[in-house]
Structures are given as structure tokens and as C-alpha cells.
Amino acid sequence: MEREALTIRFPAQLLQKIRALKQDDESLNDLVVQALEKEMKWRSSWAAHKQIQTIRESVKQRTGVHPDPVPLIRQLREGEGRRD
């Protein structure tokens, strides 16, 4: 993976905590990269969730709330109303 240098200014207290908690064989750079990758995945997932919610709401506005299918499925499993 190609890397690019970047200067980031951390609050001093946060940097102290990071240094105290990171493992000895772990670089600060790797820790920051992993944290950013995790955050980007979370944000991407959150954006997908919001898009799904928007689509659900538009479908609900168009078609209304559908009745619960569970009672009908149970009736069909028990043989009521079947047309075999």
C-alpha cells in the first residue's frame, strides 16, 4: 500500500493515553491507521443504514403499512385455507 506523509496535531492528553495503552510492538502510525480504517467502515455502514431507512420510509409512504404475515403463515402451515 502506498503511503503519504501527513502531520496531525493531537491533544497532549490524548497522545499520552495512546502511548500508554498501545502495545510495545505496535507503532503509533499503525494504531492511528487502524483507528481511521475502523471509523471509515463505521461511517460507511451508518450511511448505508440511513439510506435503507430513507428507502423504507418512501416505500411505507407509497404502499402503507402491511399487515403482519405471521398469522396467515401459521394458518397455511396448519392446513387452513390451503388449496392443494
N, C-alpha and C. Protein backbone atom coordinates (compact mmCIF):
# COMPACT_ATOMS: atom_id res chain seq x y z
N MET A 1 0.85 -1.17 0.00
CA MET A 1 0.00 0.00 0.00
C MET A 1 0.90 1.24 0.00
N GLU A 2 0.60 2.15 -0.88
CA GLU A 2 1.37 3.39 -0.93
C GLU A 2 0.98 4.27 0.25
N ARG A 3 1.97 4.88 0.83
CA ARG A 3 1.72 5.74 1.99
C ARG A 3 2.09 7.18 1.67
N GLU A 4 1.44 8.09 2.36
CA GLU A 4 1.70 9.51 2.19
C GLU A 4 1.88 10.12 3.57
N ALA A 5 2.84 10.99 3.69
CA ALA A 5 3.11 11.64 4.98
C ALA A 5 2.07 12.71 5.26
N LEU A 6 1.70 12.83 6.53
CA LEU A 6 0.69 13.78 6.96
C LEU A 6 1.01 14.22 8.38
N THR A 7 0.86 15.48 8.65
CA THR A 7 1.07 15.99 10.01
C THR A 7 -0.29 16.13 10.68
N ILE A 8 -0.41 15.51 11.85
CA ILE A 8 -1.65 15.60 12.62
C ILE A 8 -1.29 16.08 14.02
N ARG A 9 -2.07 17.00 14.52
CA ARG A 9 -1.83 17.52 15.86
C ARG A 9 -2.90 16.93 16.80
N PHE A 10 -2.40 16.15 17.77
CA PHE A 10 -3.28 15.53 18.75
C PHE A 10 -3.29 16.36 20.03
N PRO A 11 -4.39 16.35 20.75
CA PRO A 11 -4.37 16.94 22.09
C PRO A 11 -3.34 16.17 22.95
N ALA A 12 -2.58 16.87 23.75
CA ALA A 12 -1.48 16.27 24.51
C ALA A 12 -1.96 15.13 25.41
N GLN A 13 -3.09 15.31 26.08
CA GLN A 13 -3.59 14.26 26.98
C GLN A 13 -3.97 13.00 26.21
N LEU A 14 -4.58 13.17 25.05
CA LEU A 14 -4.95 12.02 24.24
C LEU A 14 -3.71 11.27 23.78
N LEU A 15 -2.71 11.99 23.36
CA LEU A 15 -1.47 11.36 22.91
C LEU A 15 -0.79 10.59 24.04
N GLN A 16 -0.82 11.14 25.25
CA GLN A 16 -0.25 10.43 26.41
C GLN A 16 -1.00 9.12 26.66
N LYS A 17 -2.34 9.17 26.58
CA LYS A 17 -3.14 7.96 26.79
C LYS A 17 -2.86 6.91 25.72
N ILE A 18 -2.76 7.37 24.47
CA ILE A 18 -2.48 6.44 23.38
C ILE A 18 -1.14 5.76 23.59
N ARG A 19 -0.14 6.54 23.90
CA ARG A 19 1.21 5.98 24.12
C ARG A 19 1.22 5.01 25.29
N ALA A 20 0.46 5.30 26.33
CA ALA A 20 0.42 4.42 27.49
C ALA A 20 -0.31 3.12 27.20
N LEU A 21 -1.31 3.15 26.32
CA LEU A 21 -2.13 1.96 26.08
C LEU A 21 -1.68 1.11 24.90
N LYS A 22 -0.93 1.68 23.99
CA LYS A 22 -0.52 0.89 22.82
C LYS A 22 0.49 -0.16 23.24
N GLN A 23 0.53 -1.24 22.49
CA GLN A 23 1.47 -2.32 22.80
C GLN A 23 2.86 -1.93 22.33
N ASP A 24 3.87 -2.53 22.94
CA ASP A 24 5.26 -2.18 22.63
C ASP A 24 5.63 -2.47 21.18
N ASP A 25 5.07 -3.54 20.63
CA ASP A 25 5.40 -3.90 19.25
C ASP A 25 4.51 -3.19 18.22
N GLU A 26 3.67 -2.29 18.69
CA GLU A 26 2.72 -1.57 17.83
C GLU A 26 3.20 -0.14 17.63
N SER A 27 3.25 0.29 16.38
CA SER A 27 3.67 1.68 16.13
C SER A 27 2.47 2.61 16.28
N LEU A 28 2.76 3.83 16.63
CA LEU A 28 1.71 4.84 16.76
C LEU A 28 1.02 5.04 15.40
N ASN A 29 1.80 5.02 14.35
CA ASN A 29 1.26 5.17 13.00
C ASN A 29 0.25 4.06 12.69
N ASP A 30 0.63 2.80 12.96
CA ASP A 30 -0.27 1.68 12.69
C ASP A 30 -1.55 1.78 13.51
N LEU A 31 -1.41 2.21 14.75
CA LEU A 31 -2.58 2.36 15.62
C LEU A 31 -3.55 3.40 15.05
N VAL A 32 -3.03 4.52 14.59
CA VAL A 32 -3.86 5.59 14.02
C VAL A 32 -4.51 5.12 12.73
N VAL A 33 -3.75 4.43 11.87
CA VAL A 33 -4.30 3.94 10.61
C VAL A 33 -5.44 2.96 10.87
N GLN A 34 -5.24 2.04 11.81
CA GLN A 34 -6.30 1.07 12.15
C GLN A 34 -7.54 1.78 12.69
N ALA A 35 -7.33 2.77 13.53
CA ALA A 35 -8.46 3.50 14.09
C ALA A 35 -9.23 4.24 12.99
N LEU A 36 -8.51 4.84 12.05
CA LEU A 36 -9.17 5.54 10.95
C LEU A 36 -9.91 4.57 10.02
N GLU A 37 -9.32 3.40 9.76
CA GLU A 37 -10.00 2.40 8.94
C GLU A 37 -11.29 1.95 9.60
N LYS A 38 -11.23 1.72 10.91
CA LYS A 38 -12.42 1.31 11.65
C LYS A 38 -13.50 2.40 11.60
N GLU A 39 -13.09 3.64 11.78
CA GLU A 39 -14.04 4.75 11.75
C GLU A 39 -14.67 4.90 10.36
N MET A 40 -13.88 4.73 9.32
CA MET A 40 -14.40 4.84 7.96
C MET A 40 -15.40 3.73 7.66
N LYS A 41 -15.13 2.51 8.13
CA LYS A 41 -16.08 1.41 7.96
C LYS A 41 -17.38 1.73 8.69
N TRP A 42 -17.26 2.25 9.91
CA TRP A 42 -18.45 2.59 10.69
C TRP A 42 -19.26 3.66 9.97
N ARG A 43 -18.59 4.70 9.47
CA ARG A 43 -19.31 5.78 8.78
C ARG A 43 -19.97 5.28 7.50
N SER A 44 -19.29 4.39 6.80
CA SER A 44 -19.87 3.81 5.58
C SER A 44 -21.11 2.99 5.92
N SER A 45 -21.01 2.19 6.97
CA SER A 45 -22.16 1.40 7.42
C SER A 45 -23.31 2.29 7.85
N TRP A 46 -22.99 3.35 8.56
CA TRP A 46 -24.02 4.28 9.03
C TRP A 46 -24.72 4.95 7.85
N ALA A 47 -23.95 5.33 6.82
CA ALA A 47 -24.54 5.95 5.63
C ALA A 47 -25.47 4.96 4.92
N ALA A 48 -25.05 3.69 4.83
CA ALA A 48 -25.90 2.66 4.22
C ALA A 48 -27.18 2.48 5.03
N HIS A 49 -27.05 2.48 6.35
CA HIS A 49 -28.22 2.34 7.23
C HIS A 49 -29.20 3.48 7.01
N LYS A 50 -28.66 4.70 6.95
CA LYS A 50 -29.54 5.86 6.73
C LYS A 50 -30.24 5.76 5.36
N GLN A 51 -29.53 5.29 4.35
CA GLN A 51 -30.13 5.14 3.02
C GLN A 51 -31.24 4.09 3.06
N ILE A 52 -31.02 2.99 3.76
CA ILE A 52 -32.05 1.96 3.90
C ILE A 52 -33.27 2.52 4.61
N GLN A 53 -33.05 3.30 5.66
CA GLN A 53 -34.16 3.91 6.39
C GLN A 53 -34.96 4.84 5.48
N THR A 54 -34.27 5.61 4.65
CA THR A 54 -34.94 6.52 3.72
C THR A 54 -35.78 5.75 2.71
N ILE A 55 -35.22 4.67 2.18
CA ILE A 55 -35.96 3.85 1.21
C ILE A 55 -37.17 3.20 1.88
N ARG A 56 -36.98 2.69 3.10
CA ARG A 56 -38.11 2.09 3.83
C ARG A 56 -39.25 3.09 4.02
N GLU A 57 -38.86 4.30 4.39
CA GLU A 57 -39.88 5.34 4.63
C GLU A 57 -40.60 5.69 3.34
N SER A 58 -39.88 5.77 2.22
CA SER A 58 -40.55 6.10 0.95
C SER A 58 -41.48 4.97 0.51
N VAL A 59 -41.07 3.72 0.74
CA VAL A 59 -41.95 2.58 0.41
C VAL A 59 -43.18 2.61 1.31
N LYS A 60 -42.98 2.91 2.58
CA LYS A 60 -44.09 2.98 3.53
C LYS A 60 -45.07 4.07 3.12
N GLN A 61 -44.57 5.20 2.66
CA GLN A 61 -45.44 6.29 2.21
C GLN A 61 -46.24 5.89 0.97
N ARG A 62 -45.60 5.12 0.07
CA ARG A 62 -46.26 4.70 -1.17
C ARG A 62 -47.27 3.59 -0.95
N THR A 63 -46.92 2.60 -0.13
CA THR A 63 -47.74 1.39 -0.02
C THR A 63 -48.49 1.27 1.29
N GLY A 64 -48.12 2.05 2.27
CA GLY A 64 -48.75 1.93 3.58
C GLY A 64 -48.11 0.81 4.40
N VAL A 65 -48.62 0.62 5.59
CA VAL A 65 -48.10 -0.42 6.48
C VAL A 65 -48.77 -1.73 6.12
N HIS A 66 -47.97 -2.76 5.92
CA HIS A 66 -48.50 -4.06 5.56
C HIS A 66 -48.89 -4.84 6.82
N PRO A 67 -49.93 -5.66 6.73
CA PRO A 67 -50.33 -6.46 7.90
C PRO A 67 -49.27 -7.51 8.22
N ASP A 68 -49.26 -7.95 9.46
CA ASP A 68 -48.32 -8.96 9.91
C ASP A 68 -48.64 -10.29 9.23
N PRO A 69 -47.68 -10.90 8.52
CA PRO A 69 -47.96 -12.14 7.79
C PRO A 69 -47.91 -13.40 8.66
N VAL A 70 -47.46 -13.30 9.90
CA VAL A 70 -47.26 -14.47 10.74
C VAL A 70 -48.55 -15.28 10.94
N PRO A 71 -49.68 -14.66 11.28
CA PRO A 71 -50.90 -15.47 11.45
C PRO A 71 -51.30 -16.22 10.17
N LEU A 72 -51.18 -15.59 9.03
CA LEU A 72 -51.52 -16.25 7.77
C LEU A 72 -50.58 -17.42 7.49
N ILE A 73 -49.31 -17.24 7.74
CA ILE A 73 -48.33 -18.32 7.54
C ILE A 73 -48.66 -19.50 8.45
N ARG A 74 -48.99 -19.21 9.70
CA ARG A 74 -49.34 -20.29 10.64
C ARG A 74 -50.59 -21.04 10.18
N GLN A 75 -51.58 -20.30 9.69
CA GLN A 75 -52.80 -20.94 9.19
C GLN A 75 -52.48 -21.86 8.01
N LEU A 76 -51.65 -21.38 7.11
CA LEU A 76 -51.29 -22.19 5.95
C LEU A 76 -50.51 -23.43 6.37
N ARG A 77 -49.64 -23.32 7.33
CA ARG A 77 -48.88 -24.48 7.82
C ARG A 77 -49.79 -25.51 8.47
N GLU A 78 -50.83 -25.04 9.13
CA GLU A 78 -51.76 -25.95 9.80
C GLU A 78 -52.80 -26.51 8.83
N GLY A 79 -52.78 -26.04 7.60
CA GLY A 79 -53.67 -26.59 6.59
C GLY A 79 -54.95 -25.80 6.38
N GLU A 80 -55.16 -24.74 7.12
CA GLU A 80 -56.38 -23.96 6.96
C GLU A 80 -56.27 -23.10 5.72
N GLY A 81 -57.22 -23.16 4.85
CA GLY A 81 -57.27 -22.32 3.66
C GLY A 81 -56.34 -22.75 2.55
N ARG A 82 -55.74 -23.95 2.67
CA ARG A 82 -54.86 -24.44 1.61
C ARG A 82 -55.67 -24.94 0.43
N ARG A 83 -55.11 -24.80 -0.73
CA ARG A 83 -55.75 -25.29 -1.94
C ARG A 83 -54.84 -26.25 -2.67
N ASP A 84 -54.57 -27.39 -2.05
CA ASP A 84 -53.65 -28.38 -2.64
C ASP A 84 -54.26 -29.06 -3.82
